[in-house]
């Protein structure tokens, strides 16, 4: 996510502590937060799916492949 969008999320959060946000600001805040959460979620999913698990028998299985079986 672009730094300018992160800065705007923080700016809106600070503003909301000092005054009521306008309807447009609330909508913008929700949109930016949703985009941020999606990016974090996708990043975490990618990291988790690249992990490998070693089974007790010594075989190694990617988490992504293991998920499909269960």
C-alpha atoms as a PDB file:
ATOM      1  CA  UNK A   1       0.000   0.000   0.000  1.00  0.00           C
ATOM      2  CA  UNK A   2       1.245   3.451  -0.828  1.00  0.00           C
ATOM      3  CA  UNK A   3       2.633   5.499   2.034  1.00  0.00           C
ATOM      4  CA  UNK A   4       0.225   8.317   1.206  1.00  0.00           C
ATOM      5  CA  UNK A   5      -2.737   6.007   1.850  1.00  0.00           C
ATOM      6  CA  UNK A   6      -1.269   4.833   5.151  1.00  0.00           C
ATOM      7  CA  UNK A   7      -0.703   8.460   6.130  1.00  0.00           C
ATOM      8  CA  UNK A   8      -4.306   9.250   5.266  1.00  0.00           C
ATOM      9  CA  UNK A   9      -5.593   6.338   7.396  1.00  0.00           C
ATOM     10  CA  UNK A  10      -3.588   7.702  10.326  1.00  0.00           C
ATOM     11  CA  UNK A  11      -4.726  11.255   9.686  1.00  0.00           C
ATOM     12  CA  UNK A  12      -8.384  10.208   9.688  1.00  0.00           C
ATOM     13  CA  UNK A  13      -7.869   8.229  12.895  1.00  0.00           C
ATOM     14  CA  UNK A  14      -6.348  11.300  14.587  1.00  0.00           C
ATOM     15  CA  UNK A  15      -9.159  13.508  13.323  1.00  0.00           C
ATOM     16  CA  UNK A  16     -11.796  11.114  14.624  1.00  0.00           C
ATOM     17  CA  UNK A  17     -10.356  11.512  18.123  1.00  0.00           C
ATOM     18  CA  UNK A  18     -10.745  15.284  18.040  1.00  0.00           C
ATOM     19  CA  UNK A  19     -13.989  15.702  16.100  1.00  0.00           C
ATOM     20  CA  UNK A  20     -16.752  13.817  14.349  1.00  0.00           C
ATOM     21  CA  UNK A  21     -15.749  12.744  10.845  1.00  0.00           C
ATOM     22  CA  UNK A  22     -17.932  13.814   7.952  1.00  0.00           C
ATOM     23  CA  UNK A  23     -19.848  11.165   6.040  1.00  0.00           C
ATOM     24  CA  UNK A  24     -17.334  11.381   3.190  1.00  0.00           C
ATOM     25  CA  UNK A  25     -14.412  11.017   5.597  1.00  0.00           C
ATOM     26  CA  UNK A  26     -16.010   8.008   7.280  1.00  0.00           C
ATOM     27  CA  UNK A  27     -16.581   6.376   3.901  1.00  0.00           C
ATOM     28  CA  UNK A  28     -12.979   7.085   2.858  1.00  0.00           C
ATOM     29  CA  UNK A  29     -11.699   5.699   6.176  1.00  0.00           C
ATOM     30  CA  UNK A  30     -13.674   2.476   5.769  1.00  0.00           C
ATOM     31  CA  UNK A  31     -12.535   2.062   2.161  1.00  0.00           C
ATOM     32  CA  UNK A  32      -8.867   2.601   3.055  1.00  0.00           C
ATOM     33  CA  UNK A  33      -9.074   0.288   6.067  1.00  0.00           C
ATOM     34  CA  UNK A  34     -10.714  -2.431   3.977  1.00  0.00           C
ATOM     35  CA  UNK A  35      -7.968  -2.142   1.348  1.00  0.00           C
ATOM     36  CA  UNK A  36      -5.289  -2.297   4.061  1.00  0.00           C
ATOM     37  CA  UNK A  37      -6.809  -5.355   5.724  1.00  0.00           C
ATOM     38  CA  UNK A  38      -7.094  -7.134   2.350  1.00  0.00           C
ATOM     39  CA  UNK A  39      -3.422  -6.471   1.606  1.00  0.00           C
ATOM     40  CA  UNK A  40      -2.329  -7.718   5.033  1.00  0.00           C
ATOM     41  CA  UNK A  41      -4.560 -10.791   4.692  1.00  0.00           C
ATOM     42  CA  UNK A  42      -3.214 -11.648   1.236  1.00  0.00           C
ATOM     43  CA  UNK A  43       0.371 -11.109   2.367  1.00  0.00           C
ATOM     44  CA  UNK A  44      -0.101 -13.373   5.389  1.00  0.00           C
ATOM     45  CA  UNK A  45      -1.814 -16.039   3.287  1.00  0.00           C
ATOM     46  CA  UNK A  46       1.090 -16.022   0.851  1.00  0.00           C
ATOM     47  CA  UNK A  47       3.605 -16.369   3.657  1.00  0.00           C
ATOM     48  CA  UNK A  48       1.702 -19.204   5.301  1.00  0.00           C
ATOM     49  CA  UNK A  49       1.192 -21.078   2.056  1.00  0.00           C
ATOM     50  CA  UNK A  50       4.911 -20.984   1.326  1.00  0.00           C
ATOM     51  CA  UNK A  51       5.687 -22.712   4.636  1.00  0.00           C
ATOM     52  CA  UNK A  52       6.607 -26.365   4.709  1.00  0.00           C
ATOM     53  CA  UNK A  53       5.741 -28.812   7.477  1.00  0.00           C
ATOM     54  CA  UNK A  54       7.845 -31.822   8.300  1.00  0.00           C
ATOM     55  CA  UNK A  55       5.729 -34.824   9.256  1.00  0.00           C
ATOM     56  CA  UNK A  56       6.838 -37.304  11.937  1.00  0.00           C
ATOM     57  CA  UNK A  57       7.832 -39.760   9.183  1.00  0.00           C
ATOM     58  CA  UNK A  58      10.290 -37.181   7.816  1.00  0.00           C
ATOM     59  CA  UNK A  59       8.315 -36.230   4.719  1.00  0.00           C
ATOM     60  CA  UNK A  60       7.914 -32.542   3.976  1.00  0.00           C
ATOM     61  CA  UNK A  61       4.604 -31.098   2.798  1.00  0.00           C
ATOM     62  CA  UNK A  62       3.810 -27.541   1.756  1.00  0.00           C
ATOM     63  CA  UNK A  63       0.998 -25.992   3.794  1.00  0.00           C
ATOM     64  CA  UNK A  64      -0.779 -25.092   0.555  1.00  0.00           C
ATOM     65  CA  UNK A  65      -0.829 -28.764  -0.527  1.00  0.00           C
ATOM     66  CA  UNK A  66      -1.802 -29.970   2.929  1.00  0.00           C
ATOM     67  CA  UNK A  67      -4.807 -27.631   3.042  1.00  0.00           C
ATOM     68  CA  UNK A  68      -6.275 -29.190  -0.085  1.00  0.00           C
ATOM     69  CA  UNK A  69      -6.330 -32.658   1.527  1.00  0.00           C
ATOM     70  CA  UNK A  70      -8.178 -31.610   4.691  1.00  0.00           C
END
